[in-house]
Amino acid sequence: MSDAAKPEIKEVYAYLRVRNAAQAIDFYRRAFGGEEVFRLTEPSGRIGHAEVRIGPATVMLSDEFPEGGILGPQTVGDTTFAMHVHAGDVDALFARAVEAGATVVRPLQDQFYGERSGTVRDPYGHLWLLGGSIEEVAPEEMQRRYTALFEDK
């Protein structure tokens, strides 16, 4: 397909599937300062769609719908994807997420690629990579440092 024939992409959203969307929305508010934009709720209380603004991004989510094959990490047993949140004060964000109920997967530490980062798992099974810039690293230098990690083994 030629570049001229490619459709214009307006936005890309993460869409999370969780076992209890109402509780997840509250967690994302407490952990990441998320603000609920809106939700569509079935008469049974199950959330069919919700949107939460976290910083400049909108995260969409819904409850599980097993009858439609829509399952979250708790039901499946794990997740194969992670959200990366870049913050000005990653230490404060990390502490806030843990205080809100996230589990530490990888503690914060300075990384070769110029970021201080760590990983938490939210109570609904999703991974969140939390990072903040500590230095600007050119791609060539980043590759050199990355290669050096393997040479030391």
N, C-alpha and C. Protein backbone atom coordinates (compact mmCIF):
# COMPACT_ATOMS: atom_id res chain seq x y z
N MET A 1 0.85 -1.17 0.00
CA MET A 1 0.00 0.00 0.00
C MET A 1 0.90 1.24 0.00
N SER A 2 0.63 2.14 -0.88
CA SER A 2 1.43 3.37 -0.94
C SER A 2 1.09 4.26 0.24
N ASP A 3 2.01 5.16 0.58
CA ASP A 3 1.76 6.09 1.68
C ASP A 3 0.52 6.91 1.44
N ALA A 4 0.26 7.27 0.19
CA ALA A 4 -0.91 8.09 -0.15
C ALA A 4 -2.21 7.34 0.14
N ALA A 5 -2.19 6.00 0.06
CA ALA A 5 -3.40 5.22 0.26
C ALA A 5 -3.62 4.83 1.72
N LYS A 6 -2.66 5.12 2.60
CA LYS A 6 -2.80 4.76 4.00
C LYS A 6 -3.83 5.67 4.67
N PRO A 7 -4.71 5.08 5.48
CA PRO A 7 -5.70 5.91 6.18
C PRO A 7 -5.02 6.75 7.27
N GLU A 8 -5.55 7.92 7.49
CA GLU A 8 -5.03 8.80 8.53
C GLU A 8 -5.46 8.26 9.89
N ILE A 9 -4.50 8.01 10.76
CA ILE A 9 -4.79 7.56 12.11
C ILE A 9 -5.01 8.79 12.98
N LYS A 10 -6.14 8.85 13.65
CA LYS A 10 -6.48 10.00 14.49
C LYS A 10 -5.97 9.81 15.92
N GLU A 11 -6.20 8.63 16.49
CA GLU A 11 -5.80 8.35 17.87
C GLU A 11 -5.66 6.85 18.04
N VAL A 12 -4.94 6.45 19.08
CA VAL A 12 -4.82 5.05 19.47
C VAL A 12 -5.10 4.97 20.97
N TYR A 13 -5.97 4.06 21.37
CA TYR A 13 -6.34 3.92 22.78
C TYR A 13 -6.00 2.52 23.28
N ALA A 14 -5.54 2.44 24.51
CA ALA A 14 -5.47 1.14 25.17
C ALA A 14 -6.88 0.81 25.62
N TYR A 15 -7.28 -0.46 25.50
CA TYR A 15 -8.61 -0.89 25.93
C TYR A 15 -8.42 -2.07 26.88
N LEU A 16 -8.65 -1.83 28.15
CA LEU A 16 -8.43 -2.84 29.18
C LEU A 16 -9.72 -3.60 29.46
N ARG A 17 -9.59 -4.88 29.65
CA ARG A 17 -10.70 -5.73 30.05
C ARG A 17 -10.41 -6.18 31.47
N VAL A 18 -11.35 -5.95 32.37
CA VAL A 18 -11.10 -6.27 33.77
C VAL A 18 -12.29 -6.99 34.39
N ARG A 19 -12.03 -7.68 35.46
CA ARG A 19 -13.08 -8.44 36.14
C ARG A 19 -14.07 -7.51 36.85
N ASN A 20 -13.63 -6.38 37.35
CA ASN A 20 -14.53 -5.46 38.04
C ASN A 20 -14.19 -4.03 37.63
N ALA A 21 -14.79 -3.57 36.57
CA ALA A 21 -14.44 -2.27 35.99
C ALA A 21 -14.69 -1.11 36.94
N ALA A 22 -15.76 -1.15 37.72
CA ALA A 22 -16.04 -0.04 38.65
C ALA A 22 -14.91 0.10 39.67
N GLN A 23 -14.46 -1.03 40.21
CA GLN A 23 -13.33 -0.97 41.16
C GLN A 23 -12.05 -0.55 40.46
N ALA A 24 -11.84 -1.00 39.23
CA ALA A 24 -10.64 -0.63 38.48
C ALA A 24 -10.60 0.87 38.23
N ILE A 25 -11.74 1.46 37.88
CA ILE A 25 -11.80 2.91 37.66
C ILE A 25 -11.38 3.64 38.93
N ASP A 26 -11.86 3.18 40.07
CA ASP A 26 -11.48 3.80 41.34
C ASP A 26 -9.99 3.63 41.60
N PHE A 27 -9.45 2.45 41.30
CA PHE A 27 -8.01 2.22 41.48
C PHE A 27 -7.21 3.17 40.59
N TYR A 28 -7.58 3.31 39.32
CA TYR A 28 -6.83 4.17 38.41
C TYR A 28 -6.92 5.64 38.85
N ARG A 29 -8.00 6.01 39.50
CA ARG A 29 -8.13 7.35 40.06
C ARG A 29 -7.13 7.53 41.21
N ARG A 30 -7.12 6.57 42.14
CA ARG A 30 -6.24 6.67 43.31
C ARG A 30 -4.77 6.50 42.94
N ALA A 31 -4.46 5.56 42.05
CA ALA A 31 -3.07 5.24 41.72
C ALA A 31 -2.42 6.23 40.77
N PHE A 32 -3.16 6.66 39.75
CA PHE A 32 -2.57 7.45 38.68
C PHE A 32 -3.23 8.81 38.47
N GLY A 33 -4.14 9.19 39.37
CA GLY A 33 -4.84 10.46 39.21
C GLY A 33 -5.83 10.45 38.06
N GLY A 34 -6.28 9.27 37.68
CA GLY A 34 -7.21 9.15 36.56
C GLY A 34 -8.53 9.85 36.85
N GLU A 35 -9.12 10.40 35.78
CA GLU A 35 -10.42 11.06 35.88
C GLU A 35 -11.39 10.34 34.95
N GLU A 36 -12.48 9.85 35.51
CA GLU A 36 -13.48 9.17 34.69
C GLU A 36 -14.14 10.18 33.76
N VAL A 37 -14.17 9.85 32.47
CA VAL A 37 -14.80 10.69 31.47
C VAL A 37 -16.28 10.31 31.37
N PHE A 38 -16.55 9.02 31.21
CA PHE A 38 -17.93 8.52 31.24
C PHE A 38 -17.92 7.01 31.27
N ARG A 39 -19.11 6.45 31.53
CA ARG A 39 -19.28 4.99 31.49
C ARG A 39 -20.67 4.65 30.98
N LEU A 40 -20.76 3.47 30.36
CA LEU A 40 -22.03 2.92 29.91
C LEU A 40 -22.26 1.66 30.74
N THR A 41 -23.36 1.66 31.48
CA THR A 41 -23.62 0.57 32.42
C THR A 41 -24.90 -0.15 32.06
N GLU A 42 -24.84 -1.47 32.05
CA GLU A 42 -26.03 -2.29 31.82
C GLU A 42 -26.94 -2.20 33.05
N PRO A 43 -28.22 -2.52 32.90
CA PRO A 43 -29.12 -2.54 34.07
C PRO A 43 -28.60 -3.46 35.19
N SER A 44 -27.83 -4.50 34.83
CA SER A 44 -27.28 -5.42 35.84
C SER A 44 -26.12 -4.79 36.61
N GLY A 45 -25.60 -3.67 36.11
CA GLY A 45 -24.45 -3.02 36.76
C GLY A 45 -23.14 -3.25 36.03
N ARG A 46 -23.12 -4.19 35.10
CA ARG A 46 -21.90 -4.48 34.36
C ARG A 46 -21.57 -3.31 33.43
N ILE A 47 -20.30 -2.91 33.45
CA ILE A 47 -19.87 -1.78 32.63
C ILE A 47 -19.48 -2.29 31.24
N GLY A 48 -20.19 -1.78 30.25
CA GLY A 48 -19.93 -2.15 28.86
C GLY A 48 -18.82 -1.33 28.24
N HIS A 49 -18.63 -0.12 28.75
CA HIS A 49 -17.57 0.75 28.23
C HIS A 49 -17.38 1.90 29.21
N ALA A 50 -16.13 2.24 29.45
CA ALA A 50 -15.80 3.41 30.27
C ALA A 50 -14.52 4.02 29.73
N GLU A 51 -14.36 5.30 29.99
CA GLU A 51 -13.13 6.00 29.60
C GLU A 51 -12.59 6.75 30.80
N VAL A 52 -11.28 6.61 31.00
CA VAL A 52 -10.58 7.26 32.10
C VAL A 52 -9.40 8.03 31.50
N ARG A 53 -9.31 9.30 31.83
CA ARG A 53 -8.19 10.12 31.37
C ARG A 53 -7.10 10.03 32.42
N ILE A 54 -5.90 9.58 31.98
CA ILE A 54 -4.72 9.50 32.83
C ILE A 54 -3.68 10.40 32.17
N GLY A 55 -3.42 11.55 32.79
CA GLY A 55 -2.55 12.54 32.16
C GLY A 55 -3.16 12.94 30.83
N PRO A 56 -2.37 12.93 29.76
CA PRO A 56 -2.90 13.34 28.45
C PRO A 56 -3.58 12.20 27.69
N ALA A 57 -3.58 10.98 28.25
CA ALA A 57 -4.09 9.81 27.52
C ALA A 57 -5.45 9.38 28.04
N THR A 58 -6.22 8.78 27.15
CA THR A 58 -7.49 8.17 27.53
C THR A 58 -7.32 6.66 27.48
N VAL A 59 -7.67 6.01 28.58
CA VAL A 59 -7.67 4.55 28.66
C VAL A 59 -9.13 4.12 28.67
N MET A 60 -9.46 3.20 27.79
CA MET A 60 -10.81 2.65 27.74
C MET A 60 -10.82 1.32 28.47
N LEU A 61 -11.96 0.98 29.07
CA LEU A 61 -12.04 -0.30 29.74
C LEU A 61 -13.48 -0.77 29.83
N SER A 62 -13.61 -2.05 30.10
CA SER A 62 -14.94 -2.65 30.30
C SER A 62 -14.80 -3.81 31.26
N ASP A 63 -15.96 -4.22 31.77
CA ASP A 63 -16.01 -5.47 32.52
C ASP A 63 -15.79 -6.62 31.54
N GLU A 64 -15.55 -7.79 32.08
CA GLU A 64 -15.46 -8.98 31.25
C GLU A 64 -16.84 -9.33 30.68
N PHE A 65 -16.83 -9.88 29.48
CA PHE A 65 -18.03 -10.39 28.83
C PHE A 65 -17.67 -11.79 28.31
N PRO A 66 -17.64 -12.79 29.20
CA PRO A 66 -17.22 -14.14 28.80
C PRO A 66 -18.01 -14.68 27.62
N GLU A 67 -19.28 -14.31 27.53
CA GLU A 67 -20.12 -14.80 26.43
C GLU A 67 -19.64 -14.26 25.08
N GLY A 68 -18.84 -13.20 25.09
CA GLY A 68 -18.30 -12.65 23.85
C GLY A 68 -16.80 -12.85 23.73
N GLY A 69 -16.23 -13.66 24.63
CA GLY A 69 -14.78 -13.90 24.59
C GLY A 69 -13.96 -12.74 25.13
N ILE A 70 -14.58 -11.79 25.82
CA ILE A 70 -13.86 -10.64 26.38
C ILE A 70 -13.50 -10.98 27.82
N LEU A 71 -12.23 -11.30 28.03
CA LEU A 71 -11.75 -11.75 29.32
C LEU A 71 -10.56 -10.91 29.76
N GLY A 72 -10.44 -10.71 31.06
CA GLY A 72 -9.32 -9.97 31.62
C GLY A 72 -8.20 -10.87 32.08
N PRO A 73 -7.09 -10.27 32.50
CA PRO A 73 -5.92 -11.04 32.94
C PRO A 73 -6.20 -12.00 34.09
N GLN A 74 -7.07 -11.63 35.03
CA GLN A 74 -7.34 -12.53 36.15
C GLN A 74 -7.99 -13.82 35.69
N THR A 75 -8.84 -13.75 34.69
CA THR A 75 -9.51 -14.93 34.17
C THR A 75 -8.57 -15.73 33.27
N VAL A 76 -7.80 -15.05 32.44
CA VAL A 76 -6.89 -15.70 31.51
C VAL A 76 -5.68 -16.29 32.24
N GLY A 77 -5.25 -15.61 33.31
CA GLY A 77 -4.11 -16.10 34.08
C GLY A 77 -2.88 -15.23 33.96
N ASP A 78 -2.87 -14.26 33.06
CA ASP A 78 -1.74 -13.34 32.91
C ASP A 78 -2.09 -12.32 31.83
N THR A 79 -1.18 -11.41 31.62
CA THR A 79 -1.34 -10.42 30.56
C THR A 79 -0.10 -10.45 29.68
N THR A 80 -0.26 -10.11 28.43
CA THR A 80 0.89 -10.09 27.51
C THR A 80 1.26 -8.68 27.12
N PHE A 81 0.65 -7.69 27.78
CA PHE A 81 0.93 -6.31 27.41
C PHE A 81 1.04 -5.47 28.66
N ALA A 82 1.69 -4.31 28.53
CA ALA A 82 1.84 -3.40 29.66
C ALA A 82 1.64 -1.97 29.20
N MET A 83 1.15 -1.15 30.11
CA MET A 83 1.02 0.28 29.86
C MET A 83 2.30 0.93 30.37
N HIS A 84 2.83 1.91 29.64
CA HIS A 84 4.01 2.64 30.09
C HIS A 84 3.57 4.06 30.39
N VAL A 85 3.73 4.45 31.65
CA VAL A 85 3.38 5.80 32.08
C VAL A 85 4.67 6.53 32.40
N HIS A 86 4.89 7.64 31.73
CA HIS A 86 6.10 8.45 31.93
C HIS A 86 5.71 9.64 32.78
N ALA A 87 6.39 9.82 33.91
CA ALA A 87 6.01 10.86 34.87
C ALA A 87 7.18 11.77 35.21
N GLY A 88 6.85 12.94 35.68
CA GLY A 88 7.87 13.88 36.13
C GLY A 88 8.54 13.41 37.42
N ASP A 89 7.77 12.86 38.35
CA ASP A 89 8.30 12.33 39.61
C ASP A 89 7.87 10.88 39.72
N VAL A 90 8.66 10.00 39.12
CA VAL A 90 8.28 8.59 39.07
C VAL A 90 8.31 7.95 40.44
N ASP A 91 9.17 8.42 41.33
CA ASP A 91 9.20 7.85 42.68
C ASP A 91 7.86 8.09 43.39
N ALA A 92 7.32 9.30 43.27
CA ALA A 92 6.04 9.62 43.88
C ALA A 92 4.91 8.81 43.24
N LEU A 93 4.93 8.68 41.90
CA LEU A 93 3.90 7.92 41.21
C LEU A 93 3.95 6.45 41.61
N PHE A 94 5.14 5.89 41.69
CA PHE A 94 5.32 4.49 42.06
C PHE A 94 4.76 4.27 43.47
N ALA A 95 5.12 5.14 44.40
CA ALA A 95 4.64 5.02 45.78
C ALA A 95 3.11 5.13 45.83
N ARG A 96 2.56 6.04 45.05
CA ARG A 96 1.11 6.23 45.02
C ARG A 96 0.41 4.98 44.50
N ALA A 97 0.96 4.38 43.45
CA ALA A 97 0.36 3.16 42.88
C ALA A 97 0.39 2.01 43.88
N VAL A 98 1.51 1.85 44.57
CA VAL A 98 1.63 0.78 45.56
C VAL A 98 0.67 1.03 46.73
N GLU A 99 0.59 2.28 47.17
CA GLU A 99 -0.32 2.63 48.26
C GLU A 99 -1.77 2.35 47.87
N ALA A 100 -2.10 2.54 46.60
CA ALA A 100 -3.46 2.30 46.12
C ALA A 100 -3.78 0.82 45.95
N GLY A 101 -2.76 -0.05 46.02
CA GLY A 101 -3.01 -1.49 45.93
C GLY A 101 -2.25 -2.24 44.86
N ALA A 102 -1.37 -1.55 44.11
CA ALA A 102 -0.57 -2.25 43.10
C ALA A 102 0.50 -3.10 43.79
N THR A 103 0.92 -4.15 43.11
CA THR A 103 1.97 -5.04 43.58
C THR A 103 3.25 -4.75 42.82
N VAL A 104 4.36 -4.64 43.53
CA VAL A 104 5.64 -4.38 42.88
C VAL A 104 6.11 -5.64 42.15
N VAL A 105 6.36 -5.49 40.86
CA VAL A 105 6.91 -6.57 40.04
C VAL A 105 8.41 -6.37 39.88
N ARG A 106 8.81 -5.14 39.62
CA ARG A 106 10.22 -4.76 39.47
C ARG A 106 10.39 -3.40 40.14
N PRO A 107 11.21 -3.33 41.20
CA PRO A 107 11.39 -2.05 41.90
C PRO A 107 11.99 -0.98 40.99
N LEU A 108 11.81 0.26 41.38
CA LEU A 108 12.41 1.36 40.64
C LEU A 108 13.93 1.26 40.66
N GLN A 109 14.54 1.53 39.52
CA GLN A 109 15.99 1.65 39.46
C GLN A 109 16.36 2.42 38.20
N ASP A 110 17.55 3.01 38.22
CA ASP A 110 18.04 3.75 37.07
C ASP A 110 18.41 2.76 35.97
N GLN A 111 18.00 3.08 34.74
CA GLN A 111 18.20 2.18 33.61
C GLN A 111 19.20 2.75 32.61
N PHE A 112 19.81 1.89 31.83
CA PHE A 112 20.81 2.28 30.83
C PHE A 112 20.26 3.21 29.77
N TYR A 113 18.97 3.18 29.55
CA TYR A 113 18.37 3.97 28.47
C TYR A 113 17.96 5.37 28.92
N GLY A 114 18.40 5.77 30.13
CA GLY A 114 18.18 7.13 30.58
C GLY A 114 16.89 7.36 31.34
N GLU A 115 16.35 6.29 31.87
CA GLU A 115 15.09 6.40 32.59
C GLU A 115 15.20 5.70 33.94
N ARG A 116 14.54 6.25 34.92
CA ARG A 116 14.37 5.56 36.20
C ARG A 116 13.01 4.89 36.07
N SER A 117 12.97 3.57 36.21
CA SER A 117 11.71 2.88 35.98
C SER A 117 11.55 1.65 36.84
N GLY A 118 10.31 1.23 36.95
CA GLY A 118 9.94 0.02 37.67
C GLY A 118 8.60 -0.44 37.14
N THR A 119 8.16 -1.60 37.60
CA THR A 119 6.91 -2.18 37.11
C THR A 119 6.02 -2.57 38.28
N VAL A 120 4.72 -2.26 38.14
CA VAL A 120 3.73 -2.71 39.11
C VAL A 120 2.62 -3.43 38.38
N ARG A 121 1.93 -4.30 39.12
CA ARG A 121 0.75 -4.99 38.58
C ARG A 121 -0.45 -4.44 39.34
N ASP A 122 -1.45 -4.00 38.59
CA ASP A 122 -2.65 -3.49 39.26
C ASP A 122 -3.47 -4.66 39.81
N PRO A 123 -4.42 -4.39 40.69
CA PRO A 123 -5.19 -5.49 41.28
C PRO A 123 -6.02 -6.28 40.28
N TYR A 124 -6.07 -5.85 39.02
CA TYR A 124 -6.88 -6.50 38.00
C TYR A 124 -6.03 -7.27 37.00
N GLY A 125 -4.70 -7.34 37.26
CA GLY A 125 -3.80 -8.17 36.48
C GLY A 125 -3.00 -7.46 35.41
N HIS A 126 -3.23 -6.16 35.19
CA HIS A 126 -2.49 -5.44 34.15
C HIS A 126 -1.17 -4.91 34.69
N LEU A 127 -0.15 -4.94 33.83
CA LEU A 127 1.17 -4.42 34.18
C LEU A 127 1.29 -2.96 33.78
N TRP A 128 1.95 -2.18 34.63
CA TRP A 128 2.19 -0.76 34.39
C TRP A 128 3.67 -0.51 34.57
N LEU A 129 4.33 -0.09 33.49
CA LEU A 129 5.73 0.30 33.54
C LEU A 129 5.74 1.78 33.87
N LEU A 130 6.30 2.13 35.01
CA LEU A 130 6.32 3.52 35.45
C LEU A 130 7.73 4.04 35.32
N GLY A 131 7.90 5.14 34.61
CA GLY A 131 9.24 5.65 34.37
C GLY A 131 9.30 7.16 34.35
N GLY A 132 10.50 7.66 34.53
CA GLY A 132 10.77 9.09 34.43
C GLY A 132 12.17 9.29 33.90
N SER A 133 12.36 10.31 33.11
CA SER A 133 13.65 10.57 32.46
C SER A 133 14.69 11.04 33.49
N ILE A 134 15.89 10.47 33.38
CA ILE A 134 17.01 10.92 34.22
C ILE A 134 18.15 11.47 33.37
N GLU A 135 18.15 11.12 32.07
CA GLU A 135 19.14 11.68 31.14
C GLU A 135 18.68 11.41 29.72
N GLU A 136 19.09 12.28 28.81
CA GLU A 136 18.82 12.07 27.39
C GLU A 136 19.92 11.17 26.84
N VAL A 137 19.54 10.09 26.19
CA VAL A 137 20.51 9.14 25.65
C VAL A 137 20.22 8.97 24.16
N ALA A 138 21.21 9.25 23.33
CA ALA A 138 21.07 9.09 21.89
C ALA A 138 20.90 7.60 21.57
N PRO A 139 20.17 7.27 20.51
CA PRO A 139 19.96 5.86 20.16
C PRO A 139 21.26 5.06 20.02
N GLU A 140 22.30 5.67 19.46
CA GLU A 140 23.57 4.96 19.29
C GLU A 140 24.19 4.61 20.65
N GLU A 141 24.13 5.55 21.59
CA GLU A 141 24.67 5.31 22.93
C GLU A 141 23.81 4.27 23.66
N MET A 142 22.52 4.35 23.45
CA MET A 142 21.63 3.38 24.07
C MET A 142 21.96 1.98 23.58
N GLN A 143 22.21 1.83 22.27
CA GLN A 143 22.57 0.52 21.72
C GLN A 143 23.90 0.05 22.29
N ARG A 144 24.87 0.97 22.41
CA ARG A 144 26.17 0.61 22.98
C ARG A 144 26.00 0.07 24.40
N ARG A 145 25.21 0.76 25.19
CA ARG A 145 24.97 0.34 26.58
C ARG A 145 24.22 -0.99 26.64
N TYR A 146 23.28 -1.15 25.74
CA TYR A 146 22.50 -2.38 25.70
C TYR A 146 23.39 -3.56 25.34
N THR A 147 24.23 -3.38 24.35
CA THR A 147 25.17 -4.42 23.94
C THR A 147 26.12 -4.78 25.08
N ALA A 148 26.57 -3.76 25.82
CA ALA A 148 27.48 -3.98 26.94
C ALA A 148 26.85 -4.86 28.02
N LEU A 149 25.55 -4.79 28.19
CA LEU A 149 24.88 -5.63 29.17
C LEU A 149 25.10 -7.10 28.87
N PHE A 150 25.15 -7.46 27.60
CA PHE A 150 25.32 -8.85 27.21
C PHE A 150 26.77 -9.28 27.25
N GLU A 151 27.68 -8.34 27.09
CA GLU A 151 29.11 -8.65 27.11
C GLU A 151 29.59 -8.95 28.52
N ASP A 152 28.90 -8.41 29.52
CA ASP A 152 29.28 -8.63 30.92
C ASP A 152 28.86 -10.00 31.42
N LYS A 153 28.09 -10.74 30.63
CA LYS A 153 27.58 -12.05 31.10
C LYS A 153 28.44 -13.17 30.68
